[in-house]
Amino acid sequence: MKYGNWMVLGLCVLAVVSLMVKVSTLGDQIQQLSENNRREIAGLQDALKSNQAGLAVVNASAPGLGDYMTTVQLHTGKLWFAAEASNWDLARYELAELKETLEAAETLNAEKNGVKISSVLDSFLKTQIAHLEEAINNKGSSGFQKSYDEILATCNECHTEAGFKFIRVVRPAAPPVSNQRWDSQSN
């Protein structure tokens, strides 16, 4: 073999050895990256489990539809006595609180016996509550009473449709709280 051929052969062997070292190094790097990824994934899975446990606690302690409906009942009763006393500022305030509660209940996306409560609440806010708001803004006692009674009727229809016809709301006979003034006097 000629000297030039030995030189080419030597370079080829050197190149092959160099590539083998490089492949070996890359294999070690890939193995290290895989191990790091496994550790990261395990850490993320632990964090996910922890977050899911925390979310379960939050969901368990979050108000349900019944909690919201009880608050609706309270604000509806207070609204009645504010309007009866012609305290339209308080009536507007209670209506705003009522709307806020209904909107919060809407986010539950609850369904009872095939009735999509969120859809009913959305419609209720756009129609009956809007009519009641108009009556309050007009400071009209008779218009308020008519709108208020329509709200009660709609509530009772929904209760019946959802399978809870034993829940019947009526005009309040006594104030829901005894430590609030209903008139608009400042003292």
N, C-alpha and C. Protein backbone atom coordinates (compact mmCIF):
# COMPACT_ATOMS: atom_id res chain seq x y z
N MET A 1 0.84 -1.16 0.00
CA MET A 1 0.00 0.00 0.00
C MET A 1 0.88 1.23 0.00
N LYS A 2 0.43 2.15 -0.70
CA LYS A 2 1.20 3.37 -0.80
C LYS A 2 0.96 4.23 0.42
N TYR A 3 1.91 5.10 0.59
CA TYR A 3 1.86 6.00 1.74
C TYR A 3 0.57 6.80 1.76
N GLY A 4 0.08 7.29 0.63
CA GLY A 4 -1.14 8.08 0.53
C GLY A 4 -2.36 7.29 0.94
N ASN A 5 -2.38 5.99 0.59
CA ASN A 5 -3.51 5.15 0.97
C ASN A 5 -3.55 4.95 2.49
N TRP A 6 -2.33 4.76 3.06
CA TRP A 6 -2.27 4.61 4.53
C TRP A 6 -2.76 5.88 5.21
N MET A 7 -2.47 6.97 4.61
CA MET A 7 -2.87 8.25 5.18
C MET A 7 -4.41 8.37 5.15
N VAL A 8 -4.99 8.00 4.05
CA VAL A 8 -6.46 8.06 3.91
C VAL A 8 -7.10 7.08 4.88
N LEU A 9 -6.52 5.86 4.96
CA LEU A 9 -7.04 4.86 5.88
C LEU A 9 -6.93 5.35 7.32
N GLY A 10 -5.84 5.95 7.66
CA GLY A 10 -5.64 6.48 9.01
C GLY A 10 -6.65 7.58 9.32
N LEU A 11 -6.89 8.44 8.36
CA LEU A 11 -7.88 9.51 8.56
C LEU A 11 -9.29 8.93 8.71
N CYS A 12 -9.57 7.90 7.94
CA CYS A 12 -10.89 7.25 8.05
C CYS A 12 -11.06 6.62 9.42
N VAL A 13 -10.05 5.92 9.90
CA VAL A 13 -10.12 5.31 11.22
C VAL A 13 -10.29 6.39 12.28
N LEU A 14 -9.53 7.47 12.13
CA LEU A 14 -9.63 8.57 13.09
C LEU A 14 -11.04 9.19 13.06
N ALA A 15 -11.58 9.33 11.86
CA ALA A 15 -12.93 9.89 11.72
C ALA A 15 -13.96 8.96 12.37
N VAL A 16 -13.82 7.65 12.15
CA VAL A 16 -14.75 6.69 12.72
C VAL A 16 -14.67 6.71 14.24
N VAL A 17 -13.46 6.72 14.78
CA VAL A 17 -13.28 6.78 16.24
C VAL A 17 -13.88 8.07 16.79
N SER A 18 -13.65 9.17 16.09
CA SER A 18 -14.19 10.47 16.53
C SER A 18 -15.72 10.45 16.52
N LEU A 19 -16.30 9.87 15.48
CA LEU A 19 -17.77 9.77 15.41
C LEU A 19 -18.32 8.86 16.50
N MET A 20 -17.60 7.79 16.80
CA MET A 20 -18.06 6.88 17.87
C MET A 20 -18.04 7.60 19.22
N VAL A 21 -17.00 8.37 19.45
CA VAL A 21 -16.93 9.16 20.69
C VAL A 21 -18.08 10.16 20.73
N LYS A 22 -18.33 10.82 19.62
CA LYS A 22 -19.41 11.82 19.55
C LYS A 22 -20.77 11.16 19.78
N VAL A 23 -21.01 10.01 19.14
CA VAL A 23 -22.27 9.28 19.31
C VAL A 23 -22.43 8.86 20.76
N SER A 24 -21.36 8.40 21.36
CA SER A 24 -21.41 7.99 22.77
C SER A 24 -21.74 9.19 23.66
N THR A 25 -21.10 10.33 23.38
CA THR A 25 -21.38 11.55 24.15
C THR A 25 -22.83 11.99 23.96
N LEU A 26 -23.31 11.95 22.73
CA LEU A 26 -24.70 12.32 22.47
C LEU A 26 -25.66 11.36 23.18
N GLY A 27 -25.34 10.09 23.19
CA GLY A 27 -26.17 9.11 23.90
C GLY A 27 -26.26 9.43 25.38
N ASP A 28 -25.11 9.82 25.97
CA ASP A 28 -25.11 10.20 27.39
C ASP A 28 -25.96 11.44 27.61
N GLN A 29 -25.84 12.41 26.69
CA GLN A 29 -26.63 13.65 26.81
C GLN A 29 -28.12 13.36 26.68
N ILE A 30 -28.46 12.49 25.73
CA ILE A 30 -29.88 12.13 25.55
C ILE A 30 -30.40 11.43 26.80
N GLN A 31 -29.60 10.55 27.35
CA GLN A 31 -30.02 9.84 28.56
C GLN A 31 -30.21 10.83 29.71
N GLN A 32 -29.31 11.79 29.83
CA GLN A 32 -29.41 12.80 30.90
C GLN A 32 -30.66 13.66 30.69
N LEU A 33 -30.92 14.09 29.45
CA LEU A 33 -32.12 14.88 29.15
C LEU A 33 -33.39 14.08 29.45
N SER A 34 -33.37 12.81 29.09
CA SER A 34 -34.53 11.95 29.37
C SER A 34 -34.79 11.86 30.87
N GLU A 35 -33.72 11.68 31.62
CA GLU A 35 -33.86 11.60 33.08
C GLU A 35 -34.38 12.92 33.65
N ASN A 36 -33.85 14.03 33.16
CA ASN A 36 -34.33 15.35 33.60
C ASN A 36 -35.81 15.53 33.26
N ASN A 37 -36.20 15.11 32.06
CA ASN A 37 -37.60 15.22 31.65
C ASN A 37 -38.49 14.35 32.53
N ARG A 38 -38.02 13.14 32.86
CA ARG A 38 -38.80 12.26 33.73
C ARG A 38 -39.01 12.93 35.09
N ARG A 39 -37.94 13.54 35.63
CA ARG A 39 -38.06 14.23 36.92
C ARG A 39 -39.01 15.41 36.83
N GLU A 40 -38.90 16.18 35.74
CA GLU A 40 -39.79 17.32 35.56
C GLU A 40 -41.24 16.87 35.44
N ILE A 41 -41.47 15.83 34.67
CA ILE A 41 -42.83 15.32 34.50
C ILE A 41 -43.37 14.83 35.84
N ALA A 42 -42.56 14.13 36.61
CA ALA A 42 -42.99 13.66 37.93
C ALA A 42 -43.34 14.85 38.83
N GLY A 43 -42.52 15.90 38.76
CA GLY A 43 -42.81 17.10 39.55
C GLY A 43 -44.10 17.77 39.11
N LEU A 44 -44.31 17.85 37.81
CA LEU A 44 -45.54 18.44 37.29
C LEU A 44 -46.76 17.60 37.66
N GLN A 45 -46.61 16.28 37.63
CA GLN A 45 -47.72 15.40 38.02
C GLN A 45 -48.06 15.60 39.49
N ASP A 46 -47.03 15.74 40.33
CA ASP A 46 -47.27 16.00 41.76
C ASP A 46 -47.97 17.34 41.95
N ALA A 47 -47.51 18.36 41.21
CA ALA A 47 -48.15 19.68 41.30
C ALA A 47 -49.59 19.63 40.83
N LEU A 48 -49.84 18.88 39.76
CA LEU A 48 -51.20 18.74 39.24
C LEU A 48 -52.10 18.06 40.26
N LYS A 49 -51.60 17.00 40.88
CA LYS A 49 -52.39 16.31 41.92
C LYS A 49 -52.70 17.27 43.07
N SER A 50 -51.72 18.05 43.46
CA SER A 50 -51.91 19.01 44.55
C SER A 50 -52.95 20.07 44.15
N ASN A 51 -52.84 20.57 42.91
CA ASN A 51 -53.81 21.56 42.43
C ASN A 51 -55.21 20.97 42.34
N GLN A 52 -55.31 19.72 41.90
CA GLN A 52 -56.61 19.07 41.81
C GLN A 52 -57.23 18.90 43.19
N ALA A 53 -56.39 18.57 44.16
CA ALA A 53 -56.88 18.43 45.54
C ALA A 53 -57.36 19.78 46.05
N GLY A 54 -56.58 20.83 45.77
CA GLY A 54 -56.98 22.18 46.18
C GLY A 54 -58.27 22.61 45.50
N LEU A 55 -58.39 22.30 44.22
CA LEU A 55 -59.60 22.64 43.48
C LEU A 55 -60.80 21.90 44.04
N ALA A 56 -60.61 20.66 44.43
CA ALA A 56 -61.71 19.89 45.02
C ALA A 56 -62.18 20.54 46.32
N VAL A 57 -61.23 21.04 47.11
CA VAL A 57 -61.59 21.72 48.36
C VAL A 57 -62.36 23.00 48.05
N VAL A 58 -61.87 23.77 47.07
CA VAL A 58 -62.55 25.01 46.69
C VAL A 58 -63.96 24.70 46.18
N ASN A 59 -64.08 23.71 45.30
CA ASN A 59 -65.40 23.35 44.77
C ASN A 59 -66.34 22.89 45.86
N ALA A 60 -65.82 22.16 46.82
CA ALA A 60 -66.67 21.66 47.91
C ALA A 60 -67.17 22.81 48.79
N SER A 61 -66.38 23.87 48.89
CA SER A 61 -66.79 24.97 49.76
C SER A 61 -67.47 26.11 49.00
N ALA A 62 -67.54 26.01 47.68
CA ALA A 62 -68.19 27.04 46.87
C ALA A 62 -69.70 26.96 47.05
N PRO A 63 -70.36 28.11 46.96
CA PRO A 63 -71.83 28.10 47.08
C PRO A 63 -72.47 27.30 45.96
N GLY A 64 -73.53 26.63 46.30
CA GLY A 64 -74.31 25.89 45.32
C GLY A 64 -75.54 26.69 44.93
N LEU A 65 -76.33 26.12 44.06
CA LEU A 65 -77.53 26.81 43.58
C LEU A 65 -78.46 27.18 44.73
N GLY A 66 -78.63 26.28 45.69
CA GLY A 66 -79.51 26.57 46.83
C GLY A 66 -79.02 27.76 47.65
N ASP A 67 -77.69 27.87 47.80
CA ASP A 67 -77.13 29.02 48.52
C ASP A 67 -77.45 30.31 47.79
N TYR A 68 -77.27 30.31 46.48
CA TYR A 68 -77.58 31.51 45.70
C TYR A 68 -79.07 31.84 45.75
N MET A 69 -79.91 30.82 45.68
CA MET A 69 -81.36 31.07 45.70
C MET A 69 -81.80 31.63 47.06
N THR A 70 -81.16 31.20 48.12
CA THR A 70 -81.48 31.76 49.44
C THR A 70 -81.10 33.23 49.49
N THR A 71 -79.98 33.58 48.89
CA THR A 71 -79.56 34.99 48.83
C THR A 71 -80.51 35.78 47.95
N VAL A 72 -80.94 35.18 46.85
CA VAL A 72 -81.94 35.82 45.98
C VAL A 72 -83.20 36.12 46.78
N GLN A 73 -83.63 35.15 47.56
CA GLN A 73 -84.85 35.33 48.37
C GLN A 73 -84.68 36.48 49.36
N LEU A 74 -83.52 36.57 49.99
CA LEU A 74 -83.26 37.66 50.93
C LEU A 74 -83.33 39.02 50.24
N HIS A 75 -82.64 39.16 49.11
CA HIS A 75 -82.64 40.45 48.41
C HIS A 75 -84.01 40.79 47.83
N THR A 76 -84.73 39.76 47.41
CA THR A 76 -86.09 40.00 46.89
C THR A 76 -87.00 40.50 48.00
N GLY A 77 -86.89 39.93 49.19
CA GLY A 77 -87.69 40.40 50.33
C GLY A 77 -87.31 41.82 50.73
N LYS A 78 -86.02 42.11 50.79
CA LYS A 78 -85.58 43.46 51.14
C LYS A 78 -86.03 44.47 50.08
N LEU A 79 -85.98 44.04 48.83
CA LEU A 79 -86.44 44.88 47.73
C LEU A 79 -87.90 45.25 47.90
N TRP A 80 -88.71 44.30 48.29
CA TRP A 80 -90.14 44.54 48.50
C TRP A 80 -90.36 45.64 49.55
N PHE A 81 -89.70 45.52 50.68
CA PHE A 81 -89.91 46.48 51.76
C PHE A 81 -89.32 47.85 51.44
N ALA A 82 -88.26 47.90 50.67
CA ALA A 82 -87.71 49.18 50.23
C ALA A 82 -88.70 49.90 49.33
N ALA A 83 -89.29 49.16 48.39
CA ALA A 83 -90.27 49.77 47.48
C ALA A 83 -91.55 50.15 48.21
N GLU A 84 -91.98 49.32 49.16
CA GLU A 84 -93.17 49.64 49.94
C GLU A 84 -92.99 50.96 50.71
N ALA A 85 -91.75 51.24 51.10
CA ALA A 85 -91.45 52.48 51.83
C ALA A 85 -91.07 53.60 50.87
N SER A 86 -91.19 53.35 49.57
CA SER A 86 -90.80 54.31 48.53
C SER A 86 -89.35 54.76 48.67
N ASN A 87 -88.52 53.87 49.16
CA ASN A 87 -87.09 54.14 49.24
C ASN A 87 -86.46 53.57 47.97
N TRP A 88 -86.57 54.32 46.88
CA TRP A 88 -86.17 53.84 45.57
C TRP A 88 -84.65 53.67 45.45
N ASP A 89 -83.90 54.45 46.22
CA ASP A 89 -82.44 54.25 46.21
C ASP A 89 -82.09 52.88 46.79
N LEU A 90 -82.72 52.53 47.91
CA LEU A 90 -82.48 51.22 48.50
C LEU A 90 -83.01 50.11 47.58
N ALA A 91 -84.15 50.37 46.95
CA ALA A 91 -84.71 49.38 46.02
C ALA A 91 -83.74 49.13 44.86
N ARG A 92 -83.15 50.20 44.32
CA ARG A 92 -82.16 50.04 43.24
C ARG A 92 -80.95 49.25 43.73
N TYR A 93 -80.51 49.54 44.95
CA TYR A 93 -79.37 48.83 45.53
C TYR A 93 -79.68 47.34 45.67
N GLU A 94 -80.84 47.03 46.23
CA GLU A 94 -81.21 45.62 46.42
C GLU A 94 -81.39 44.91 45.08
N LEU A 95 -81.90 45.64 44.09
CA LEU A 95 -82.02 45.06 42.75
C LEU A 95 -80.63 44.74 42.18
N ALA A 96 -79.68 45.65 42.38
CA ALA A 96 -78.31 45.40 41.90
C ALA A 96 -77.72 44.17 42.60
N GLU A 97 -77.95 44.03 43.89
CA GLU A 97 -77.47 42.86 44.63
C GLU A 97 -78.15 41.58 44.13
N LEU A 98 -79.44 41.69 43.85
CA LEU A 98 -80.20 40.57 43.32
C LEU A 98 -79.63 40.14 41.96
N LYS A 99 -79.39 41.10 41.08
CA LYS A 99 -78.83 40.80 39.76
C LYS A 99 -77.45 40.16 39.89
N GLU A 100 -76.64 40.69 40.77
CA GLU A 100 -75.29 40.14 40.98
C GLU A 100 -75.35 38.68 41.42
N THR A 101 -76.27 38.38 42.31
CA THR A 101 -76.43 37.01 42.79
C THR A 101 -76.94 36.09 41.69
N LEU A 102 -77.89 36.57 40.91
CA LEU A 102 -78.42 35.77 39.81
C LEU A 102 -77.33 35.49 38.77
N GLU A 103 -76.51 36.50 38.49
CA GLU A 103 -75.41 36.31 37.54
C GLU A 103 -74.40 35.30 38.06
N ALA A 104 -74.13 35.34 39.37
CA ALA A 104 -73.21 34.36 39.96
C ALA A 104 -73.80 32.96 39.87
N ALA A 105 -75.10 32.84 40.14
CA ALA A 105 -75.76 31.53 40.05
C ALA A 105 -75.74 31.01 38.61
N GLU A 106 -75.82 31.93 37.67
CA GLU A 106 -75.80 31.57 36.26
C GLU A 106 -74.49 30.85 35.89
N THR A 107 -73.39 31.24 36.53
CA THR A 107 -72.08 30.65 36.20
C THR A 107 -71.96 29.18 36.65
N LEU A 108 -72.87 28.72 37.48
CA LEU A 108 -72.83 27.33 37.92
C LEU A 108 -73.16 26.35 36.78
N ASN A 109 -73.87 26.85 35.78
CA ASN A 109 -74.34 25.99 34.68
C ASN A 109 -75.08 24.77 35.21
N ALA A 110 -75.91 25.02 36.21
CA ALA A 110 -76.66 23.94 36.85
C ALA A 110 -77.80 23.47 35.95
N GLU A 111 -78.12 22.20 36.11
CA GLU A 111 -79.26 21.62 35.42
C GLU A 111 -80.02 20.78 36.43
N LYS A 112 -81.32 21.03 36.52
CA LYS A 112 -82.17 20.29 37.45
C LYS A 112 -83.32 19.67 36.67
N ASN A 113 -83.39 18.36 36.70
CA ASN A 113 -84.47 17.62 36.03
C ASN A 113 -84.67 18.07 34.59
N GLY A 114 -83.56 18.26 33.87
CA GLY A 114 -83.63 18.64 32.46
C GLY A 114 -83.79 20.13 32.21
N VAL A 115 -83.91 20.92 33.27
CA VAL A 115 -84.05 22.38 33.11
C VAL A 115 -82.67 23.00 33.27
N LYS A 116 -82.22 23.68 32.22
CA LYS A 116 -80.93 24.36 32.28
C LYS A 116 -81.13 25.69 33.01
N ILE A 117 -80.76 25.70 34.26
CA ILE A 117 -81.02 26.83 35.14
C ILE A 117 -80.34 28.10 34.63
N SER A 118 -79.14 27.98 34.10
CA SER A 118 -78.42 29.16 33.60
C SER A 118 -79.19 29.85 32.48
N SER A 119 -79.79 29.08 31.60
CA SER A 119 -80.58 29.66 30.51
C SER A 119 -81.80 30.37 31.06
N VAL A 120 -82.44 29.75 32.04
CA VAL A 120 -83.61 30.36 32.66
C VAL A 120 -83.22 31.67 33.34
N LEU A 121 -82.10 31.65 34.07
CA LEU A 121 -81.66 32.86 34.77
C LEU A 121 -81.31 33.97 33.79
N ASP A 122 -80.67 33.61 32.69
CA ASP A 122 -80.32 34.60 31.68
C ASP A 122 -81.57 35.27 31.13
N SER A 123 -82.56 34.47 30.78
CA SER A 123 -83.83 35.00 30.28
C SER A 123 -84.53 35.85 31.34
N PHE A 124 -84.51 35.36 32.56
CA PHE A 124 -85.13 36.05 33.71
C PHE A 124 -84.50 37.43 33.90
N LEU A 125 -83.18 37.50 33.82
CA LEU A 125 -82.49 38.78 33.97
C LEU A 125 -82.86 39.76 32.86
N LYS A 126 -83.00 39.24 31.64
CA LYS A 126 -83.26 40.10 30.49
C LYS A 126 -84.72 40.55 30.40
N THR A 127 -85.62 39.81 31.05
CA THR A 127 -87.04 40.16 30.92
C THR A 127 -87.61 40.65 32.25
N GLN A 128 -87.93 39.75 33.15
CA GLN A 128 -88.60 40.13 34.39
C GLN A 128 -87.77 41.12 35.22
N ILE A 129 -86.48 40.87 35.36
CA ILE A 129 -85.64 41.78 36.15
C ILE A 129 -85.55 43.14 35.46
N ALA A 130 -85.46 43.13 34.13
CA ALA A 130 -85.43 44.40 33.39
C ALA A 130 -86.73 45.18 33.59
N HIS A 131 -87.87 44.49 33.61
CA HIS A 131 -89.16 45.17 33.85
C HIS A 131 -89.21 45.74 35.26
N LEU A 132 -88.71 44.97 36.21
CA LEU A 132 -88.69 45.45 37.60
C LEU A 132 -87.78 46.67 37.73
N GLU A 133 -86.66 46.64 37.05
CA GLU A 133 -85.74 47.79 37.09
C GLU A 133 -86.41 49.03 36.52
N GLU A 134 -87.15 48.87 35.45
CA GLU A 134 -87.87 49.98 34.84
C GLU A 134 -88.90 50.54 35.82
N ALA A 135 -89.63 49.69 36.50
CA ALA A 135 -90.63 50.13 37.48
C ALA A 135 -89.96 50.87 38.63
N ILE A 136 -88.81 50.40 39.08
CA ILE A 136 -88.09 51.07 40.16
C ILE A 136 -87.61 52.44 39.69
N ASN A 137 -87.05 52.50 38.49
CA ASN A 137 -86.57 53.78 37.97
C ASN A 137 -87.70 54.78 37.78
N ASN A 138 -88.91 54.28 37.47
CA ASN A 138 -90.09 55.15 37.33
C ASN A 138 -90.72 55.46 38.67
N LYS A 139 -90.23 54.84 39.73
CA LYS A 139 -90.74 55.05 41.09
C LYS A 139 -92.25 54.84 41.14
N GLY A 140 -92.69 53.80 40.45
CA GLY A 140 -94.11 53.52 40.39
C GLY A 140 -94.48 52.32 41.23
N SER A 141 -95.25 52.58 42.27
CA SER A 141 -95.62 51.52 43.20
C SER A 141 -96.46 50.43 42.52
N SER A 142 -97.44 50.83 41.71
CA SER A 142 -98.30 49.82 41.08
C SER A 142 -97.51 49.05 40.02
N GLY A 143 -96.68 49.72 39.25
CA GLY A 143 -95.84 49.04 38.26
C GLY A 143 -94.84 48.12 38.94
N PHE A 144 -94.34 48.56 40.09
CA PHE A 144 -93.40 47.72 40.84
C PHE A 144 -94.11 46.45 41.32
N GLN A 145 -95.30 46.60 41.91
CA GLN A 145 -96.02 45.44 42.43
C GLN A 145 -96.32 44.44 41.33
N LYS A 146 -96.73 44.94 40.16
CA LYS A 146 -97.03 44.05 39.04
C LYS A 146 -95.76 43.30 38.61
N SER A 147 -94.67 44.02 38.45
CA SER A 147 -93.40 43.39 38.05
C SER A 147 -92.90 42.42 39.11
N TYR A 148 -93.06 42.79 40.36
CA TYR A 148 -92.62 41.93 41.47
C TYR A 148 -93.42 40.63 41.47
N ASP A 149 -94.72 40.74 41.30
CA ASP A 149 -95.56 39.53 41.26
C ASP A 149 -95.21 38.65 40.06
N GLU A 150 -94.85 39.27 38.92
CA GLU A 150 -94.42 38.50 37.75
C GLU A 150 -93.13 37.73 38.06
N ILE A 151 -92.25 38.36 38.81
CA ILE A 151 -91.00 37.70 39.20
C ILE A 151 -91.32 36.48 40.07
N LEU A 152 -92.19 36.66 41.04
CA LEU A 152 -92.55 35.54 41.92
C LEU A 152 -93.17 34.40 41.11
N ALA A 153 -94.05 34.75 40.17
CA ALA A 153 -94.70 33.73 39.34
C ALA A 153 -93.66 32.99 38.50
N THR A 154 -92.71 33.73 37.95
CA THR A 154 -91.66 33.10 37.13
C THR A 154 -90.80 32.18 37.98
N CYS A 155 -90.46 32.63 39.18
CA CYS A 155 -89.68 31.78 40.09
C CYS A 155 -90.42 30.48 40.38
N ASN A 156 -91.69 30.60 40.69
CA ASN A 156 -92.49 29.42 41.02
C ASN A 156 -92.65 28.48 39.82
N GLU A 157 -92.79 29.05 38.62
CA GLU A 157 -92.85 28.22 37.41
C GLU A 157 -91.55 27.44 37.23
N CYS A 158 -90.43 28.11 37.44
CA CYS A 158 -89.13 27.45 37.30
C CYS A 158 -88.99 26.33 38.34
N HIS A 159 -89.39 26.63 39.58
CA HIS A 159 -89.31 25.61 40.63
C HIS A 159 -90.12 24.37 40.23
N THR A 160 -91.32 24.60 39.68
CA THR A 160 -92.18 23.49 39.27
C THR A 160 -91.53 22.71 38.13
N GLU A 161 -91.06 23.43 37.09
CA GLU A 161 -90.42 22.78 35.94
C GLU A 161 -89.20 21.96 36.35
N ALA A 162 -88.44 22.47 37.33
CA ALA A 162 -87.21 21.79 37.76
C ALA A 162 -87.47 20.67 38.76
N GLY A 163 -88.77 20.44 39.10
CA GLY A 163 -89.10 19.35 40.01
C GLY A 163 -89.14 19.75 41.47
N PHE A 164 -89.23 21.03 41.74
CA PHE A 164 -89.25 21.52 43.12
C PHE A 164 -90.51 22.35 43.37
N LYS A 165 -91.65 21.84 42.93
CA LYS A 165 -92.89 22.62 43.06
C LYS A 165 -93.27 22.91 44.51
N PHE A 166 -92.64 22.22 45.44
CA PHE A 166 -92.89 22.47 46.86
C PHE A 166 -92.20 23.76 47.33
N ILE A 167 -91.35 24.34 46.50
CA ILE A 167 -90.74 25.64 46.82
C ILE A 167 -91.59 26.71 46.17
N ARG A 168 -92.36 27.42 46.98
CA ARG A 168 -93.26 28.47 46.49
C ARG A 168 -92.89 29.77 47.18
N VAL A 169 -92.54 30.78 46.40
CA VAL A 169 -92.23 32.08 46.99
C VAL A 169 -93.43 33.00 46.83
N VAL A 170 -93.63 33.82 47.84
CA VAL A 170 -94.75 34.76 47.88
C VAL A 170 -94.24 36.12 48.34
N ARG A 171 -95.11 37.11 48.25
CA ARG A 171 -94.76 38.42 48.80
C ARG A 171 -94.44 38.25 50.29
N PRO A 172 -93.42 38.91 50.76
CA PRO A 172 -93.08 38.77 52.17
C PRO A 172 -94.11 39.44 53.07
N ALA A 173 -94.41 38.81 54.19
CA ALA A 173 -95.36 39.37 55.16
C ALA A 173 -94.64 40.17 56.23
N ALA A 174 -93.38 39.89 56.45
CA ALA A 174 -92.58 40.58 57.46
C ALA A 174 -91.18 40.82 56.89
N PRO A 175 -90.54 41.89 57.31
CA PRO A 175 -89.19 42.16 56.80
C PRO A 175 -88.24 40.99 57.09
N PRO A 176 -87.35 40.70 56.14
CA PRO A 176 -86.43 39.58 56.33
C PRO A 176 -85.37 39.84 57.40
N VAL A 177 -85.15 41.11 57.70
CA VAL A 177 -84.23 41.48 58.79
C VAL A 177 -84.90 42.55 59.63
N SER A 178 -84.64 42.54 60.91
CA SER A 178 -85.29 43.50 61.80
C SER A 178 -84.40 44.69 62.14
N ASN A 179 -83.18 44.69 61.67
CA ASN A 179 -82.25 45.75 62.04
C ASN A 179 -81.93 46.69 60.87
N GLN A 180 -82.91 46.91 59.99
CA GLN A 180 -82.71 47.82 58.87
C GLN A 180 -83.94 48.70 58.73
N ARG A 181 -83.68 49.97 58.45
CA ARG A 181 -84.78 50.90 58.15
C ARG A 181 -85.10 50.80 56.68
N TRP A 182 -86.37 50.85 56.37
CA TRP A 182 -86.79 50.74 54.98
C TRP A 182 -87.09 52.09 54.39
N ASP A 183 -87.47 53.05 55.21
CA ASP A 183 -87.76 54.38 54.68
C ASP A 183 -86.45 55.08 54.31
N SER A 184 -86.58 56.21 53.65
CA SER A 184 -85.39 56.90 53.15
C SER A 184 -84.93 58.02 54.08
N GLN A 185 -85.47 58.09 55.29
CA GLN A 185 -85.02 59.12 56.24
C GLN A 185 -83.57 58.88 56.61
N SER A 186 -82.86 59.96 56.84
CA SER A 186 -81.42 59.83 57.09
C SER A 186 -81.07 59.43 58.51
N ASN A 187 -81.99 59.53 59.48
CA ASN A 187 -81.62 59.19 60.86
C ASN A 187 -82.32 57.96 61.36
